[in-house]
Amino acid sequence: KQTLLPLLPEETSSFIFPCNPAMQRPELKYMVMELLRCIPLLLFLLFVCGLDHFIFSILSIIQHHSFIEYSYQTSHHLSVNVMGASLMAELLRTTIGALNTSVDTEVETSNLACLPQPTGMTKQQYLDTFLPLGALALLCLAQVYPFRLRRAIAAFYFPKREKTRVLFLYNRLLRQRKNFLYLQRGRVARQAQQPPGLGTLLLRWCRRRWPWMRRCLRGRCALCRTPETPRHQPCPNPGCEALYCGSCW
């Protein structure tokens, strides 16, 4: 509860607030991990579709440039003439005359039946192929909201465990805050011992030279780096230009 333990700006980013519709930092890590697991499937689909298009292009080239048409024409004429009017001539005309033939042959054929007949995938088929992957990516983005219900469901069925969990979280936060303040004091002390940079000096000079530019050239909190507001407190030590927000002060 905010009245029990107001969170510092640095502590807020480490917790998940169920009523906040925005995606929060702890949830982003798991969401990115789930999206990274979809990359191998995406690469596999791209490889399969690329291989399909490559094979289709090869077969289309074979189909258009390997067509051969054959045209065969032949003519065969056989005529045996037996002269004479004798019995032997009549017999030969009767027997050998049957061999007289006249044949004209014209054949046209091609290798069309042997050529491949490839059919490429349509845009709709490509869309249907990648649509499940897109749905999976959307589920990875939307899964953070159902996951927020896990704590509420567990608290409903195990209220004593929920109370123990809240007390543990409260005590851990107190320990972290104690260490956090100790580390931040050391960081601010080290920062104060270092000479200010050129940009900091220019900013201070502009603020002293033109007070009306304080709204444009706002400072930041020395701890949480939040932009300056009227509630920020300056350091009372002479010569120190450090600012602190209300919670950090």
Protein backbone atom coordinates (compact mmCIF):
# COMPACT_ATOMS: atom_id res chain seq x y z
CA LYS A 1 0.00 0.00 0.00
CA GLN A 2 1.25 3.47 -0.80
CA THR A 3 0.40 4.69 2.72
CA LEU A 4 2.48 1.94 4.30
CA LEU A 5 5.64 2.08 2.24
CA PRO A 6 5.80 4.59 -0.62
CA LEU A 7 8.17 3.28 -3.26
CA LEU A 8 11.11 5.23 -4.53
CA PRO A 9 11.37 5.82 -8.29
CA GLU A 10 14.23 3.30 -8.50
CA GLU A 11 12.19 0.70 -6.60
CA THR A 12 9.07 1.16 -8.70
CA SER A 13 10.75 -0.29 -11.81
CA SER A 14 11.41 -3.62 -10.04
CA PHE A 15 7.75 -4.34 -9.23
CA ILE A 16 4.76 -5.30 -11.36
CA PHE A 17 1.57 -3.34 -10.78
CA PRO A 18 -1.42 -5.43 -11.98
CA CYS A 19 -3.69 -2.44 -12.64
CA ASN A 20 -1.16 -0.66 -14.84
CA PRO A 21 -2.07 -1.33 -18.50
CA ALA A 22 1.46 -0.54 -19.67
CA MET A 23 4.05 -3.29 -19.99
CA GLN A 24 6.54 -2.97 -17.15
CA ARG A 25 10.26 -3.61 -16.93
CA PRO A 26 10.18 -7.04 -15.16
CA GLU A 27 7.68 -8.24 -17.75
CA LEU A 28 9.75 -7.03 -20.68
CA LYS A 29 12.57 -9.44 -19.86
CA TYR A 30 10.33 -12.51 -20.08
CA MET A 31 8.52 -11.16 -23.12
CA VAL A 32 11.82 -10.65 -24.96
CA MET A 33 12.89 -14.19 -24.04
CA GLU A 34 9.67 -15.59 -25.48
CA LEU A 35 10.07 -13.55 -28.66
CA LEU A 36 13.65 -14.78 -29.03
CA ARG A 37 12.33 -18.34 -28.98
CA CYS A 38 10.20 -17.50 -32.02
CA ILE A 39 13.23 -16.45 -34.06
CA PRO A 40 14.36 -20.05 -34.93
CA LEU A 41 10.86 -20.83 -36.19
CA LEU A 42 10.84 -17.63 -38.23
CA LEU A 43 14.22 -18.46 -39.74
CA PHE A 44 13.02 -21.98 -40.55
CA LEU A 45 9.91 -20.65 -42.33
CA LEU A 46 12.00 -18.13 -44.27
CA PHE A 47 14.40 -20.90 -45.29
CA VAL A 48 11.57 -23.20 -46.39
CA CYS A 49 9.80 -20.45 -48.37
CA GLY A 50 13.08 -19.37 -49.96
CA LEU A 51 13.89 -22.97 -50.90
CA ASP A 52 10.40 -23.40 -52.37
CA HIS A 53 10.79 -20.26 -54.48
CA PHE A 54 14.25 -21.36 -55.62
CA ILE A 55 13.01 -24.81 -56.72
CA PHE A 56 10.02 -23.21 -58.45
CA SER A 57 12.32 -20.85 -60.37
CA ILE A 58 14.59 -23.72 -61.47
CA LEU A 59 11.64 -25.81 -62.67
CA SER A 60 10.15 -22.80 -64.49
CA ILE A 61 13.43 -22.23 -66.34
CA ILE A 62 13.52 -25.91 -67.32
CA GLN A 63 9.92 -25.73 -68.49
CA HIS A 64 10.39 -22.66 -70.67
CA HIS A 65 13.83 -23.38 -72.11
CA SER A 66 13.85 -27.17 -72.51
CA PHE A 67 10.84 -27.55 -74.77
CA ILE A 68 11.69 -29.50 -77.97
CA GLU A 69 9.26 -30.27 -80.81
CA TYR A 70 9.98 -32.89 -83.46
CA SER A 71 8.47 -32.91 -86.98
CA TYR A 72 9.06 -36.09 -89.09
CA GLN A 73 7.86 -36.50 -92.69
CA THR A 74 8.52 -39.48 -94.98
CA SER A 75 7.14 -40.75 -98.29
CA HIS A 76 7.43 -44.30 -99.60
CA HIS A 77 6.26 -45.33 -103.08
CA LEU A 78 6.78 -48.78 -104.65
CA SER A 79 5.52 -49.59 -108.13
CA VAL A 80 6.39 -52.77 -110.11
CA ASN A 81 5.37 -52.79 -113.76
CA VAL A 82 5.42 -56.10 -115.59
CA MET A 83 5.25 -55.79 -119.36
CA GLY A 84 3.97 -58.41 -121.73
CA ALA A 85 0.79 -60.29 -122.48
CA SER A 86 1.88 -63.86 -121.80
CA LEU A 87 0.56 -66.13 -119.09
CA MET A 88 3.75 -65.65 -117.08
CA ALA A 89 3.41 -61.86 -117.31
CA GLU A 90 -0.18 -62.05 -116.13
CA LEU A 91 0.90 -64.29 -113.22
CA LEU A 92 3.66 -61.88 -112.21
CA ARG A 93 1.35 -58.87 -112.43
CA THR A 94 -1.09 -60.70 -110.19
CA THR A 95 1.46 -61.71 -107.57
CA ILE A 96 4.02 -58.92 -107.61
CA GLY A 97 1.48 -56.20 -108.31
CA ALA A 98 0.20 -56.65 -104.78
CA LEU A 99 3.50 -55.16 -103.57
CA ASN A 100 2.73 -51.80 -105.09
CA THR A 101 2.35 -49.39 -102.14
CA SER A 102 2.25 -45.67 -101.61
CA VAL A 103 2.76 -44.39 -98.07
CA ASP A 104 3.09 -40.75 -96.88
CA THR A 105 3.99 -40.36 -93.19
CA GLU A 106 3.95 -37.09 -91.20
CA VAL A 107 4.66 -37.23 -87.43
CA GLU A 108 4.80 -34.26 -85.02
CA THR A 109 5.77 -34.88 -81.39
CA SER A 110 7.37 -32.98 -78.44
CA ASN A 111 8.73 -33.54 -74.94
CA LEU A 112 5.92 -31.54 -73.30
CA ALA A 113 4.74 -34.56 -71.33
CA CYS A 114 8.21 -34.98 -69.84
CA LEU A 115 8.63 -31.36 -68.74
CA PRO A 116 7.78 -30.30 -65.17
CA GLN A 117 4.66 -28.24 -64.57
CA PRO A 118 5.55 -26.18 -61.44
CA THR A 119 2.96 -24.12 -59.57
CA GLY A 120 4.20 -21.31 -57.31
CA MET A 121 2.70 -20.44 -53.95
CA THR A 122 0.26 -17.54 -53.90
CA LYS A 123 0.38 -14.57 -51.56
CA GLN A 124 -2.52 -16.02 -49.60
CA GLN A 125 -0.62 -19.26 -49.06
CA TYR A 126 2.42 -17.33 -47.85
CA LEU A 127 0.14 -15.36 -45.53
CA ASP A 128 -1.44 -18.53 -44.19
CA THR A 129 2.05 -19.92 -43.56
CA PHE A 130 3.23 -16.97 -41.48
CA LEU A 131 -0.11 -16.23 -39.81
CA PRO A 132 0.34 -18.80 -36.98
CA LEU A 133 3.79 -17.37 -36.26
CA GLY A 134 2.33 -13.87 -36.07
CA ALA A 135 -0.37 -15.14 -33.72
CA LEU A 136 2.33 -16.74 -31.57
CA ALA A 137 4.21 -13.44 -31.37
CA LEU A 138 1.03 -11.64 -30.35
CA LEU A 139 0.44 -14.22 -27.64
CA CYS A 140 3.97 -13.60 -26.37
CA LEU A 141 3.10 -9.91 -26.10
CA ALA A 142 -0.28 -10.50 -24.47
CA GLN A 143 0.73 -13.25 -22.05
CA VAL A 144 2.00 -10.73 -19.49
CA TYR A 145 -1.56 -9.72 -18.61
CA PRO A 146 -2.90 -13.22 -17.77
CA PHE A 147 0.31 -13.90 -15.82
CA ARG A 148 -0.61 -11.05 -13.46
CA LEU A 149 -3.57 -13.10 -12.26
CA ARG A 150 -1.34 -15.86 -10.87
CA ARG A 151 -0.63 -14.00 -7.64
CA ALA A 152 -4.31 -13.14 -7.14
CA ILE A 153 -5.35 -16.77 -7.71
CA ALA A 154 -2.68 -18.04 -5.32
CA ALA A 155 -3.68 -15.46 -2.69
CA PHE A 156 -7.33 -16.53 -2.94
CA TYR A 157 -6.59 -20.21 -2.34
CA PHE A 158 -3.66 -19.76 0.07
CA PRO A 159 -4.27 -16.59 2.16
CA LYS A 160 -1.77 -17.55 4.88
CA ARG A 161 0.93 -18.10 2.32
CA GLU A 162 0.06 -14.72 0.79
CA LYS A 163 0.47 -13.00 4.18
CA THR A 164 3.87 -14.66 4.67
CA ARG A 165 4.87 -13.64 1.18
CA VAL A 166 3.89 -9.99 1.76
CA LEU A 167 5.83 -9.82 5.04
CA PHE A 168 8.88 -11.33 3.36
CA LEU A 169 8.62 -8.84 0.51
CA TYR A 170 8.25 -5.94 2.95
CA ASN A 171 11.32 -6.94 4.98
CA ARG A 172 13.39 -7.57 1.89
CA LEU A 173 12.46 -4.17 0.52
CA LEU A 174 13.55 -2.53 3.77
CA ARG A 175 16.93 -4.28 3.61
CA GLN A 176 17.36 -3.33 -0.03
CA ARG A 177 16.44 0.27 0.72
CA LYS A 178 19.00 0.45 3.51
CA ASN A 179 21.73 -0.86 1.23
CA PHE A 180 20.47 1.30 -1.61
CA LEU A 181 20.74 4.52 0.40
CA TYR A 182 24.21 3.53 1.57
CA LEU A 183 25.36 2.90 -2.01
CA GLN A 184 23.72 6.07 -3.31
CA ARG A 185 25.41 8.19 -0.66
CA GLY A 186 28.75 6.79 -1.73
CA ARG A 187 27.96 7.43 -5.39
CA VAL A 188 26.90 11.03 -4.74
CA ALA A 189 30.04 11.61 -2.65
CA ARG A 190 32.27 10.30 -5.44
CA GLN A 191 30.35 12.39 -7.96
CA ALA A 192 30.81 15.51 -5.82
CA GLN A 193 34.57 14.96 -5.60
CA GLN A 194 34.91 14.88 -9.38
CA PRO A 195 35.26 18.21 -11.22
CA PRO A 196 32.14 19.18 -13.18
CA GLY A 197 32.18 18.66 -16.92
CA LEU A 198 32.00 21.33 -19.57
CA GLY A 199 28.30 20.71 -20.18
CA THR A 200 27.49 21.05 -16.48
CA LEU A 201 29.45 24.27 -16.18
CA LEU A 202 27.72 25.71 -19.25
CA LEU A 203 24.32 24.74 -17.88
CA ARG A 204 25.01 26.40 -14.53
CA TRP A 205 26.30 29.56 -16.20
CA CYS A 206 23.21 29.81 -18.40
CA ARG A 207 20.92 29.32 -15.43
CA ARG A 208 22.66 32.09 -13.47
CA ARG A 209 22.92 34.39 -16.49
CA TRP A 210 19.32 34.02 -17.66
CA PRO A 211 17.01 32.95 -14.82
CA TRP A 212 14.06 32.85 -17.20
CA MET A 213 15.68 29.86 -18.92
CA ARG A 214 15.37 27.67 -15.84
CA ARG A 215 12.24 26.08 -17.31
CA CYS A 216 14.09 25.05 -20.46
CA LEU A 217 17.41 24.15 -18.80
CA ARG A 218 16.03 22.08 -15.97
CA GLY A 219 18.36 20.08 -13.76
CA ARG A 220 17.92 16.52 -12.60
CA CYS A 221 17.84 14.75 -9.30
CA ALA A 222 21.29 13.59 -8.25
CA LEU A 223 19.92 10.15 -7.27
CA CYS A 224 17.00 9.16 -9.48
CA ARG A 225 17.72 11.60 -12.36
CA THR A 226 14.13 12.82 -12.55
CA PRO A 227 13.67 16.27 -14.20
CA GLU A 228 13.57 19.27 -11.93
CA THR A 229 10.24 20.41 -10.50
CA PRO A 230 9.35 23.12 -7.96
CA ARG A 231 9.40 20.43 -5.27
CA HIS A 232 13.09 19.66 -5.81
CA GLN A 233 15.40 20.61 -2.94
CA PRO A 234 18.87 22.08 -3.57
CA CYS A 235 21.78 21.03 -1.44
CA PRO A 236 22.25 23.58 1.43
CA ASN A 237 26.05 23.35 1.32
CA PRO A 238 27.62 26.43 -0.30
CA GLY A 239 29.07 25.80 -3.73
CA CYS A 240 27.07 22.55 -4.25
CA GLU A 241 24.62 22.57 -7.15
CA ALA A 242 23.07 19.19 -6.45
CA LEU A 243 19.28 18.83 -6.62
CA TYR A 244 17.12 16.20 -4.96
CA CYS A 245 13.50 15.27 -5.53
CA GLY A 246 11.13 15.00 -2.56
CA SER A 247 11.51 11.25 -2.01
CA CYS A 248 15.30 11.23 -2.44
CA TRP A 249 15.69 14.29 -0.18
